[in-house]
Amino acid sequence: MMRTDRWLTVDELAGYLKLSRSKLYRMAQDGDVPASKVASQWRFDRDEIDQWMKSQRLDADDGTCTESNTEKRGEG
């Protein structure tokens, strides 16, 4: 069965992540969130967003992102 909700609009993702549209636009333009631009509209792959969100988790030991800790250890 094909998922019809794979690609999210800015409005849909803003609701999903509980962020403002303006913050999400800035993050997309700065490359801080995985995004694709089609014509003049941003689209976001739900699976990529979920993976990205998991990579943003804080390490309980030192308050840094898990992704950064992995790079420090040479695993990334």
PDB file of N, CA and C in Angstrom:
ATOM      1  N   MET A   1       0.841  -1.190   0.000  1.00  0.00           N
ATOM      2  CA  MET A   1       0.000   0.000   0.000  1.00  0.00           C
ATOM      3  C   MET A   1       0.884   1.250   0.000  1.00  0.00           C
ATOM      4  N   MET A   2       0.567   2.188  -0.836  1.00  0.00           N
ATOM      5  CA  MET A   2       1.370   3.396  -0.974  1.00  0.00           C
ATOM      6  C   MET A   2       0.933   4.471   0.027  1.00  0.00           C
ATOM      7  N   ARG A   3       1.931   5.045   0.709  1.00  0.00           N
ATOM      8  CA  ARG A   3       1.626   6.139   1.639  1.00  0.00           C
ATOM      9  C   ARG A   3       1.394   7.407   0.848  1.00  0.00           C
ATOM     10  N   THR A   4       0.292   8.059   1.118  1.00  0.00           N
ATOM     11  CA  THR A   4      -0.006   9.301   0.409  1.00  0.00           C
ATOM     12  C   THR A   4       0.447  10.529   1.187  1.00  0.00           C
ATOM     13  N   ASP A   5       0.906  10.339   2.413  1.00  0.00           N
ATOM     14  CA  ASP A   5       1.308  11.474   3.244  1.00  0.00           C
ATOM     15  C   ASP A   5       2.814  11.535   3.458  1.00  0.00           C
ATOM     16  N   ARG A   6       3.581  10.971   2.533  1.00  0.00           N
ATOM     17  CA  ARG A   6       5.030  10.953   2.684  1.00  0.00           C
ATOM     18  C   ARG A   6       5.626  12.345   2.616  1.00  0.00           C
ATOM     19  N   TRP A   7       5.184  13.156   1.660  1.00  0.00           N
ATOM     20  CA  TRP A   7       5.726  14.501   1.471  1.00  0.00           C
ATOM     21  C   TRP A   7       4.843  15.524   2.173  1.00  0.00           C
ATOM     22  N   LEU A   8       5.444  16.269   3.083  1.00  0.00           N
ATOM     23  CA  LEU A   8       4.710  17.246   3.876  1.00  0.00           C
ATOM     24  C   LEU A   8       4.982  18.659   3.385  1.00  0.00           C
ATOM     25  N   THR A   9       3.980  19.511   3.484  1.00  0.00           N
ATOM     26  CA  THR A   9       4.134  20.932   3.199  1.00  0.00           C
ATOM     27  C   THR A   9       4.686  21.631   4.439  1.00  0.00           C
ATOM     28  N   VAL A  10       5.030  22.890   4.315  1.00  0.00           N
ATOM     29  CA  VAL A  10       5.502  23.666   5.464  1.00  0.00           C
ATOM     30  C   VAL A  10       4.434  23.687   6.559  1.00  0.00           C
ATOM     31  N   ASP A  11       3.182  23.926   6.169  1.00  0.00           N
ATOM     32  CA  ASP A  11       2.101  23.971   7.162  1.00  0.00           C
ATOM     33  C   ASP A  11       1.945  22.632   7.879  1.00  0.00           C
ATOM     34  N   GLU A  12       1.991  21.541   7.121  1.00  0.00           N
ATOM     35  CA  GLU A  12       1.833  20.213   7.725  1.00  0.00           C
ATOM     36  C   GLU A  12       2.991  19.899   8.667  1.00  0.00           C
ATOM     37  N   LEU A  13       4.213  20.211   8.229  1.00  0.00           N
ATOM     38  CA  LEU A  13       5.372  19.928   9.077  1.00  0.00           C
ATOM     39  C   LEU A  13       5.405  20.829  10.302  1.00  0.00           C
ATOM     40  N   ALA A  14       5.010  22.066  10.150  1.00  0.00           N
ATOM     41  CA  ALA A  14       4.959  22.977  11.298  1.00  0.00           C
ATOM     42  C   ALA A  14       4.023  22.414  12.373  1.00  0.00           C
ATOM     43  N   GLY A  15       2.896  21.887  11.952  1.00  0.00           N
ATOM     44  CA  GLY A  15       1.974  21.269  12.901  1.00  0.00           C
ATOM     45  C   GLY A  15       2.552  20.003  13.504  1.00  0.00           C
ATOM     46  N   TYR A  16       3.192  19.193  12.686  1.00  0.00           N
ATOM     47  CA  TYR A  16       3.780  17.919  13.110  1.00  0.00           C
ATOM     48  C   TYR A  16       4.868  18.140  14.160  1.00  0.00           C
ATOM     49  N   LEU A  17       5.724  19.156  13.935  1.00  0.00           N
ATOM     50  CA  LEU A  17       6.837  19.425  14.846  1.00  0.00           C
ATOM     51  C   LEU A  17       6.519  20.467  15.916  1.00  0.00           C
ATOM     52  N   LYS A  18       5.339  21.067  15.810  1.00  0.00           N
ATOM     53  CA  LYS A  18       4.932  22.118  16.755  1.00  0.00           C
ATOM     54  C   LYS A  18       5.905  23.299  16.698  1.00  0.00           C
ATOM     55  N   LEU A  19       6.237  23.722  15.469  1.00  0.00           N
ATOM     56  CA  LEU A  19       7.095  24.881  15.229  1.00  0.00           C
ATOM     57  C   LEU A  19       6.320  25.912  14.433  1.00  0.00           C
ATOM     58  N   SER A  20       6.747  27.143  14.506  1.00  0.00           N
ATOM     59  CA  SER A  20       6.113  28.169  13.681  1.00  0.00           C
ATOM     60  C   SER A  20       6.557  27.997  12.234  1.00  0.00           C
ATOM     61  N   ARG A  21       5.721  28.461  11.324  1.00  0.00           N
ATOM     62  CA  ARG A  21       6.052  28.392   9.898  1.00  0.00           C
ATOM     63  C   ARG A  21       7.312  29.186   9.601  1.00  0.00           C
ATOM     64  N   SER A  22       7.443  30.375  10.199  1.00  0.00           N
ATOM     65  CA  SER A  22       8.608  31.220   9.921  1.00  0.00           C
ATOM     66  C   SER A  22       9.904  30.546  10.385  1.00  0.00           C
ATOM     67  N   LYS A  23       9.882  29.902  11.538  1.00  0.00           N
ATOM     68  CA  LYS A  23      11.059  29.186  12.033  1.00  0.00           C
ATOM     69  C   LYS A  23      11.413  28.042  11.083  1.00  0.00           C
ATOM     70  N   LEU A  24      10.411  27.316  10.627  1.00  0.00           N
ATOM     71  CA  LEU A  24      10.630  26.199   9.720  1.00  0.00           C
ATOM     72  C   LEU A  24      11.173  26.665   8.369  1.00  0.00           C
ATOM     73  N   TYR A  25      10.661  27.772   7.854  1.00  0.00           N
ATOM     74  CA  TYR A  25      11.199  28.345   6.612  1.00  0.00           C
ATOM     75  C   TYR A  25      12.674  28.671   6.768  1.00  0.00           C
ATOM     76  N   ARG A  26      13.031  29.319   7.881  1.00  0.00           N
ATOM     77  CA  ARG A  26      14.432  29.682   8.126  1.00  0.00           C
ATOM     78  C   ARG A  26      15.316  28.444   8.213  1.00  0.00           C
ATOM     79  N   MET A  27      14.832  27.423   8.915  1.00  0.00           N
ATOM     80  CA  MET A  27      15.597  26.195   9.051  1.00  0.00           C
ATOM     81  C   MET A  27      15.804  25.518   7.697  1.00  0.00           C
ATOM     82  N   ALA A  28      14.771  25.518   6.860  1.00  0.00           N
ATOM     83  CA  ALA A  28      14.881  24.913   5.526  1.00  0.00           C
ATOM     84  C   ALA A  28      15.869  25.698   4.663  1.00  0.00           C
ATOM     85  N   GLN A  29      15.770  27.007   4.679  1.00  0.00           N
ATOM     86  CA  GLN A  29      16.662  27.849   3.883  1.00  0.00           C
ATOM     87  C   GLN A  29      18.113  27.725   4.324  1.00  0.00           C
ATOM     88  N   ASP A  30      18.329  27.553   5.626  1.00  0.00           N
ATOM     89  CA  ASP A  30      19.677  27.433   6.172  1.00  0.00           C
ATOM     90  C   ASP A  30      20.233  26.012   6.085  1.00  0.00           C
ATOM     91  N   GLY A  31      19.400  25.065   5.648  1.00  0.00           N
ATOM     92  CA  GLY A  31      19.834  23.670   5.546  1.00  0.00           C
ATOM     93  C   GLY A  31      19.876  22.958   6.877  1.00  0.00           C
ATOM     94  N   ASP A  32      19.163  23.480   7.869  1.00  0.00           N
ATOM     95  CA  ASP A  32      19.157  22.881   9.205  1.00  0.00           C
ATOM     96  C   ASP A  32      18.177  21.725   9.345  1.00  0.00           C
ATOM     97  N   VAL A  33      17.286  21.573   8.384  1.00  0.00           N
ATOM     98  CA  VAL A  33      16.289  20.504   8.395  1.00  0.00           C
ATOM     99  C   VAL A  33      16.268  19.907   6.990  1.00  0.00           C
ATOM    100  N   PRO A  34      16.149  18.579   6.852  1.00  0.00           N
ATOM    101  CA  PRO A  34      16.122  17.983   5.515  1.00  0.00           C
ATOM    102  C   PRO A  34      14.894  18.449   4.731  1.00  0.00           C
ATOM    103  N   ALA A  35      15.130  19.036   3.559  1.00  0.00           N
ATOM    104  CA  ALA A  35      14.040  19.616   2.779  1.00  0.00           C
ATOM    105  C   ALA A  35      14.369  19.583   1.294  1.00  0.00           C
ATOM    106  N   SER A  36      13.330  19.623   0.489  1.00  0.00           N
ATOM    107  CA  SER A  36      13.456  19.737  -0.965  1.00  0.00           C
ATOM    108  C   SER A  36      12.606  20.906  -1.410  1.00  0.00           C
ATOM    109  N   LYS A  37      13.112  21.655  -2.374  1.00  0.00           N
ATOM    110  CA  LYS A  37      12.340  22.772  -2.887  1.00  0.00           C
ATOM    111  C   LYS A  37      11.881  22.420  -4.298  1.00  0.00           C
ATOM    112  N   VAL A  38      10.574  22.455  -4.501  1.00  0.00           N
ATOM    113  CA  VAL A  38       9.972  22.179  -5.795  1.00  0.00           C
ATOM    114  C   VAL A  38       9.334  23.475  -6.258  1.00  0.00           C
ATOM    115  N   ALA A  39       9.866  24.001  -7.369  1.00  0.00           N
ATOM    116  CA  ALA A  39       9.457  25.331  -7.844  1.00  0.00           C
ATOM    117  C   ALA A  39       9.733  26.302  -6.704  1.00  0.00           C
ATOM    118  N   SER A  40       8.726  26.908  -6.140  1.00  0.00           N
ATOM    119  CA  SER A  40       8.956  27.859  -5.046  1.00  0.00           C
ATOM    120  C   SER A  40       8.424  27.327  -3.714  1.00  0.00           C
ATOM    121  N   GLN A  41       8.139  26.030  -3.658  1.00  0.00           N
ATOM    122  CA  GLN A  41       7.545  25.465  -2.441  1.00  0.00           C
ATOM    123  C   GLN A  41       8.445  24.407  -1.817  1.00  0.00           C
ATOM    124  N   TRP A  42       8.552  24.445  -0.494  1.00  0.00           N
ATOM    125  CA  TRP A  42       9.321  23.465   0.255  1.00  0.00           C
ATOM    126  C   TRP A  42       8.487  22.215   0.487  1.00  0.00           C
ATOM    127  N   ARG A  43       9.143  21.054   0.410  1.00  0.00           N
ATOM    128  CA  ARG A  43       8.517  19.774   0.736  1.00  0.00           C
ATOM    129  C   ARG A  43       9.474  19.000   1.628  1.00  0.00           C
ATOM    130  N   PHE A  44       8.911  18.198   2.520  1.00  0.00           N
ATOM    131  CA  PHE A  44       9.683  17.483   3.525  1.00  0.00           C
ATOM    132  C   PHE A  44       9.267  16.025   3.537  1.00  0.00           C
ATOM    133  N   ASP A  45      10.247  15.136   3.452  1.00  0.00           N
ATOM    134  CA  ASP A  45      10.000  13.693   3.497  1.00  0.00           C
ATOM    135  C   ASP A  45       9.796  13.296   4.963  1.00  0.00           C
ATOM    136  N   ARG A  46       8.644  12.744   5.265  1.00  0.00           N
ATOM    137  CA  ARG A  46       8.308  12.414   6.656  1.00  0.00           C
ATOM    138  C   ARG A  46       9.340  11.470   7.277  1.00  0.00           C
ATOM    139  N   ASP A  47       9.790  10.457   6.522  1.00  0.00           N
ATOM    140  CA  ASP A  47      10.771   9.520   7.066  1.00  0.00           C
ATOM    141  C   ASP A  47      12.097  10.210   7.376  1.00  0.00           C
ATOM    142  N   GLU A  48      12.540  11.103   6.495  1.00  0.00           N
ATOM    143  CA  GLU A  48      13.776  11.853   6.745  1.00  0.00           C
ATOM    144  C   GLU A  48      13.632  12.763   7.951  1.00  0.00           C
ATOM    145  N   ILE A  49      12.479  13.371   8.095  1.00  0.00           N
ATOM    146  CA  ILE A  49      12.231  14.245   9.251  1.00  0.00           C
ATOM    147  C   ILE A  49      12.274  13.437  10.540  1.00  0.00           C
ATOM    148  N   ASP A  50      11.659  12.255  10.538  1.00  0.00           N
ATOM    149  CA  ASP A  50      11.682  11.403  11.737  1.00  0.00           C
ATOM    150  C   ASP A  50      13.110  11.007  12.091  1.00  0.00           C
ATOM    151  N   GLN A  51      13.916  10.637  11.094  1.00  0.00           N
ATOM    152  CA  GLN A  51      15.316  10.286  11.346  1.00  0.00           C
ATOM    153  C   GLN A  51      16.090  11.495  11.863  1.00  0.00           C
ATOM    154  N   TRP A  52      15.852  12.654  11.260  1.00  0.00           N
ATOM    155  CA  TRP A  52      16.529  13.871  11.673  1.00  0.00           C
ATOM    156  C   TRP A  52      16.175  14.212  13.128  1.00  0.00           C
ATOM    157  N   MET A  53      14.902  14.087  13.465  1.00  0.00           N
ATOM    158  CA  MET A  53      14.476  14.378  14.843  1.00  0.00           C
ATOM    159  C   MET A  53      15.178  13.452  15.835  1.00  0.00           C
ATOM    160  N   LYS A  54      15.284  12.185  15.499  1.00  0.00           N
ATOM    161  CA  LYS A  54      15.967  11.245  16.396  1.00  0.00           C
ATOM    162  C   LYS A  54      17.438  11.608  16.559  1.00  0.00           C
ATOM    163  N   SER A  55      18.052  12.147  15.508  1.00  0.00           N
ATOM    164  CA  SER A  55      19.464  12.527  15.589  1.00  0.00           C
ATOM    165  C   SER A  55      19.657  13.780  16.439  1.00  0.00           C
ATOM    166  N   GLN A  56      18.594  14.503  16.736  1.00  0.00           N
ATOM    167  CA  GLN A  56      18.678  15.736  17.518  1.00  0.00           C
ATOM    168  C   GLN A  56      18.534  15.483  19.023  1.00  0.00           C
ATOM    169  N   ARG A  57      18.345  14.239  19.415  1.00  0.00           N
ATOM    170  CA  ARG A  57      18.190  13.923  20.839  1.00  0.00           C
ATOM    171  C   ARG A  57      19.417  14.336  21.624  1.00  0.00           C
ATOM    172  N   LEU A  58      19.184  14.828  22.825  1.00  0.00           N
ATOM    173  CA  LEU A  58      20.276  15.241  23.702  1.00  0.00           C
ATOM    174  C   LEU A  58      20.821  14.045  24.464  1.00  0.00           C
ATOM    175  N   ASP A  59      22.128  14.045  24.656  1.00  0.00           N
ATOM    176  CA  ASP A  59      22.780  13.045  25.474  1.00  0.00           C
ATOM    177  C   ASP A  59      22.579  13.462  26.936  1.00  0.00           C
ATOM    178  N   ALA A  60      22.064  12.578  27.743  1.00  0.00           N
ATOM    179  CA  ALA A  60      21.769  12.903  29.140  1.00  0.00           C
ATOM    180  C   ALA A  60      23.029  13.242  29.934  1.00  0.00           C
ATOM    181  N   ASP A  61      24.185  12.726  29.517  1.00  0.00           N
ATOM    182  CA  ASP A  61      25.418  12.961  30.266  1.00  0.00           C
ATOM    183  C   ASP A  61      25.926  14.391  30.149  1.00  0.00           C
ATOM    184  N   ASP A  62      25.936  14.925  28.928  1.00  0.00           N
ATOM    185  CA  ASP A  62      26.550  16.239  28.767  1.00  0.00           C
ATOM    186  C   ASP A  62      25.680  17.260  28.048  1.00  0.00           C
ATOM    187  N   GLY A  63      24.453  16.925  27.710  1.00  0.00           N
ATOM    188  CA  GLY A  63      23.540  17.883  27.112  1.00  0.00           C
ATOM    189  C   GLY A  63      23.808  18.194  25.651  1.00  0.00           C
ATOM    190  N   THR A  64      24.643  17.391  24.984  1.00  0.00           N
ATOM    191  CA  THR A  64      24.919  17.624  23.570  1.00  0.00           C
ATOM    192  C   THR A  64      24.118  16.654  22.709  1.00  0.00           C
ATOM    193  N   CYS A  65      24.002  16.975  21.443  1.00  0.00           N
ATOM    194  CA  CYS A  65      23.266  16.120  20.521  1.00  0.00           C
ATOM    195  C   CYS A  65      23.974  14.792  20.338  1.00  0.00           C
ATOM    196  N   THR A  66      23.205  13.733  20.242  1.00  0.00           N
ATOM    197  CA  THR A  66      23.738  12.395  20.044  1.00  0.00           C
ATOM    198  C   THR A  66      24.610  12.345  18.803  1.00  0.00           C
ATOM    199  N   GLU A  67      24.194  13.019  17.740  1.00  0.00           N
ATOM    200  CA  GLU A  67      24.939  13.036  16.487  1.00  0.00           C
ATOM    201  C   GLU A  67      26.348  13.575  16.716  1.00  0.00           C
ATOM    202  N   SER A  68      26.487  14.632  17.484  1.00  0.00           N
ATOM    203  CA  SER A  68      27.788  15.227  17.764  1.00  0.00           C
ATOM    204  C   SER A  68      28.643  14.277  18.587  1.00  0.00           C
ATOM    205  N   ASN A  69      28.030  13.587  19.540  1.00  0.00           N
ATOM    206  CA  ASN A  69      28.782  12.653  20.366  1.00  0.00           C
ATOM    207  C   ASN A  69      29.316  11.512  19.541  1.00  0.00           C
ATOM    208  N   THR A  70      28.554  11.051  18.562  1.00  0.00           N
ATOM    209  CA  THR A  70      28.995   9.985  17.687  1.00  0.00           C
ATOM    210  C   THR A  70      30.205  10.447  16.881  1.00  0.00           C
ATOM    211  N   GLU A  71      30.188  11.667  16.375  1.00  0.00           N
ATOM    212  CA  GLU A  71      31.302  12.211  15.609  1.00  0.00           C
ATOM    213  C   GLU A  71      32.553  12.342  16.479  1.00  0.00           C
ATOM    214  N   LYS A  72      32.387  12.734  17.734  1.00  0.00           N
ATOM    215  CA  LYS A  72      33.523  12.895  18.641  1.00  0.00           C
ATOM    216  C   LYS A  72      34.253  11.563  18.842  1.00  0.00           C
ATOM    217  N   ARG A  73      33.474  10.468  18.868  1.00  0.00           N
ATOM    218  CA  ARG A  73      34.050   9.160  19.079  1.00  0.00           C
ATOM    219  C   ARG A  73      34.585   8.553  17.782  1.00  0.00           C
ATOM    220  N   GLY A  74      34.419   9.237  16.666  1.00  0.00           N
ATOM    221  CA  GLY A  74      34.902   8.742  15.389  1.00  0.00           C
ATOM    222  C   GLY A  74      34.006   7.707  14.746  1.00  0.00           C
ATOM    223  N   GLU A  75      32.735   7.653  15.186  1.00  0.00           N
ATOM    224  CA  GLU A  75      31.809   6.669  14.653  1.00  0.00           C
ATOM    225  C   GLU A  75      30.954   7.230  13.532  1.00  0.00           C
ATOM    226  N   GLY A  76      30.988   8.533  13.293  1.00  0.00           N
ATOM    227  CA  GLY A  76      30.067   9.139  12.350  1.00  0.00           C
ATOM    228  C   GLY A  76      30.610   9.476  11.039  1.00  0.00           C
TER     229      GLY A  76
END
